[in-house]
Amino acid sequence: MLKTNTQPIILSSFVNPIEDNLAVKTKFDLLQKLRQWCDEIEINDPQFARLIAKVIPAQCPFERDIIIFGRTIAHIPPMCKINPLYEQFVGLRFRALCYLVDKCGEDIQSYC
């Protein structure tokens, strides 16, 4: 409850909690479990770390400039950030690269 100069305002009358929709909740829970599963993947094998570093690109491969006769006529923005698991994939790649550097002592410049 907020008090103004004249009258108290009860916030619960303005803020209505969103009812749980079963379809939305199921979809959200599915993505949350996938995110959690990706975050919990441990990198303990150099071959697995190399595979992850090769499979997950360092930059979005879809971003392009369309150039005709030396002039840029269009730009296709990076669409990787639309992926709901983008942050988890980037984190997994980072952990794989850290493993290769810290535990294996490899030079990761070829993966960048």
Protein backbone atom coordinates (compact mmCIF):
# COMPACT_ATOMS: atom_id res chain seq x y z
CA MET A 1 0.00 0.00 0.00
CA LEU A 2 1.27 3.43 -0.97
CA LYS A 3 0.23 6.59 0.81
CA THR A 4 -0.29 9.74 -1.16
CA ASN A 5 -1.13 13.17 0.17
CA THR A 6 -4.84 12.49 0.03
CA GLN A 7 -5.60 8.83 -0.09
CA PRO A 8 -3.85 5.41 0.17
CA ILE A 9 -3.39 3.48 -3.07
CA ILE A 10 -3.51 -0.29 -2.94
CA LEU A 11 -1.18 -1.68 -5.60
CA SER A 12 -2.85 -5.07 -5.78
CA SER A 13 -5.84 -3.43 -7.43
CA PHE A 14 -3.60 -2.32 -10.31
CA VAL A 15 -1.35 -5.35 -10.68
CA ASN A 16 -3.11 -8.52 -11.71
CA PRO A 17 -1.05 -11.69 -11.58
CA ILE A 18 -1.08 -13.57 -14.87
CA GLU A 19 -2.98 -16.80 -14.66
CA ASP A 20 -0.93 -19.91 -15.30
CA ASN A 21 -1.58 -21.08 -18.81
CA LEU A 22 -0.75 -24.78 -19.06
CA ALA A 23 0.50 -24.60 -22.67
CA VAL A 24 2.81 -21.66 -21.99
CA LYS A 25 4.05 -23.18 -18.75
CA THR A 26 4.88 -26.50 -20.42
CA LYS A 27 6.82 -24.78 -23.20
CA PHE A 28 8.68 -22.59 -20.74
CA ASP A 29 9.52 -25.55 -18.51
CA LEU A 30 10.83 -27.49 -21.49
CA LEU A 31 13.17 -24.68 -22.49
CA GLN A 32 14.24 -24.16 -18.89
CA LYS A 33 15.17 -27.83 -18.56
CA LEU A 34 17.14 -27.69 -21.83
CA ARG A 35 18.95 -24.56 -20.67
CA GLN A 36 19.78 -26.18 -17.35
CA TRP A 37 20.97 -29.37 -19.08
CA CYS A 38 23.26 -27.37 -21.43
CA ASP A 39 24.65 -25.39 -18.51
CA GLU A 40 25.41 -28.58 -16.58
CA ILE A 41 27.42 -30.26 -19.35
CA GLU A 42 30.95 -30.77 -18.07
CA ILE A 43 33.93 -30.80 -20.38
CA ASN A 44 36.32 -33.56 -19.30
CA ASP A 45 37.58 -34.90 -22.62
CA PRO A 46 39.87 -33.06 -25.08
CA GLN A 47 38.19 -34.64 -28.11
CA PHE A 48 34.75 -33.57 -26.88
CA ALA A 49 36.04 -30.04 -26.23
CA ARG A 50 37.53 -29.85 -29.73
CA LEU A 51 34.26 -31.09 -31.25
CA ILE A 52 32.25 -28.42 -29.40
CA ALA A 53 34.71 -25.71 -30.40
CA LYS A 54 34.44 -26.75 -34.05
CA VAL A 55 30.66 -27.29 -34.17
CA ILE A 56 29.56 -24.11 -32.39
CA PRO A 57 30.71 -21.13 -34.49
CA ALA A 58 32.49 -18.12 -33.00
CA GLN A 59 30.35 -15.73 -35.05
CA CYS A 60 26.86 -15.95 -36.44
CA PRO A 61 27.20 -17.56 -39.89
CA PHE A 62 23.97 -15.95 -41.14
CA GLU A 63 25.06 -12.31 -40.85
CA ARG A 64 25.82 -11.00 -44.33
CA ASP A 65 26.24 -7.84 -46.34
CA ILE A 66 24.79 -8.08 -49.84
CA ILE A 67 27.18 -6.23 -52.14
CA ILE A 68 26.56 -5.61 -55.84
CA PHE A 69 29.08 -3.71 -57.97
CA GLY A 70 31.00 -2.67 -54.85
CA ARG A 71 27.98 -1.14 -53.11
CA THR A 72 26.24 -2.56 -50.07
CA ILE A 73 22.55 -2.82 -50.90
CA ALA A 74 21.34 -4.83 -47.89
CA HIS A 75 22.48 -6.18 -44.55
CA ILE A 76 21.17 -9.40 -43.07
CA PRO A 77 21.41 -9.09 -39.27
CA PRO A 78 22.69 -11.93 -37.07
CA MET A 79 19.82 -14.29 -36.41
CA CYS A 80 21.61 -16.47 -33.89
CA LYS A 81 20.33 -14.36 -31.02
CA ILE A 82 16.80 -15.43 -31.92
CA ASN A 83 17.76 -18.94 -30.79
CA PRO A 84 16.40 -19.44 -27.24
CA LEU A 85 19.47 -21.52 -26.34
CA TYR A 86 22.01 -19.07 -27.77
CA GLU A 87 23.47 -18.08 -24.39
CA GLN A 88 23.90 -21.72 -23.36
CA PHE A 89 25.67 -22.63 -26.61
CA VAL A 90 28.03 -19.68 -26.31
CA GLY A 91 28.73 -20.63 -22.69
CA LEU A 92 29.35 -24.26 -23.64
CA ARG A 93 31.80 -23.21 -26.36
CA PHE A 94 33.56 -20.90 -23.92
CA ARG A 95 33.91 -23.70 -21.35
CA ALA A 96 35.29 -26.02 -24.05
CA LEU A 97 37.86 -23.44 -25.11
CA CYS A 98 38.83 -22.78 -21.48
CA TYR A 99 39.29 -26.52 -20.93
CA LEU A 100 41.54 -26.78 -23.98
CA VAL A 101 43.69 -23.88 -22.78
CA ASP A 102 43.79 -24.59 -19.03
CA LYS A 103 43.88 -28.40 -18.88
CA CYS A 104 45.34 -29.38 -22.24
CA GLY A 105 47.60 -26.39 -22.85
CA GLU A 106 46.47 -26.08 -26.48
CA ASP A 107 46.55 -22.97 -28.64
CA ILE A 108 42.93 -22.15 -29.46
CA GLN A 109 43.62 -19.50 -32.07
CA SER A 110 42.55 -21.88 -34.83
CA TYR A 111 39.04 -22.05 -33.28
CA CYS A 112 38.54 -18.27 -33.23
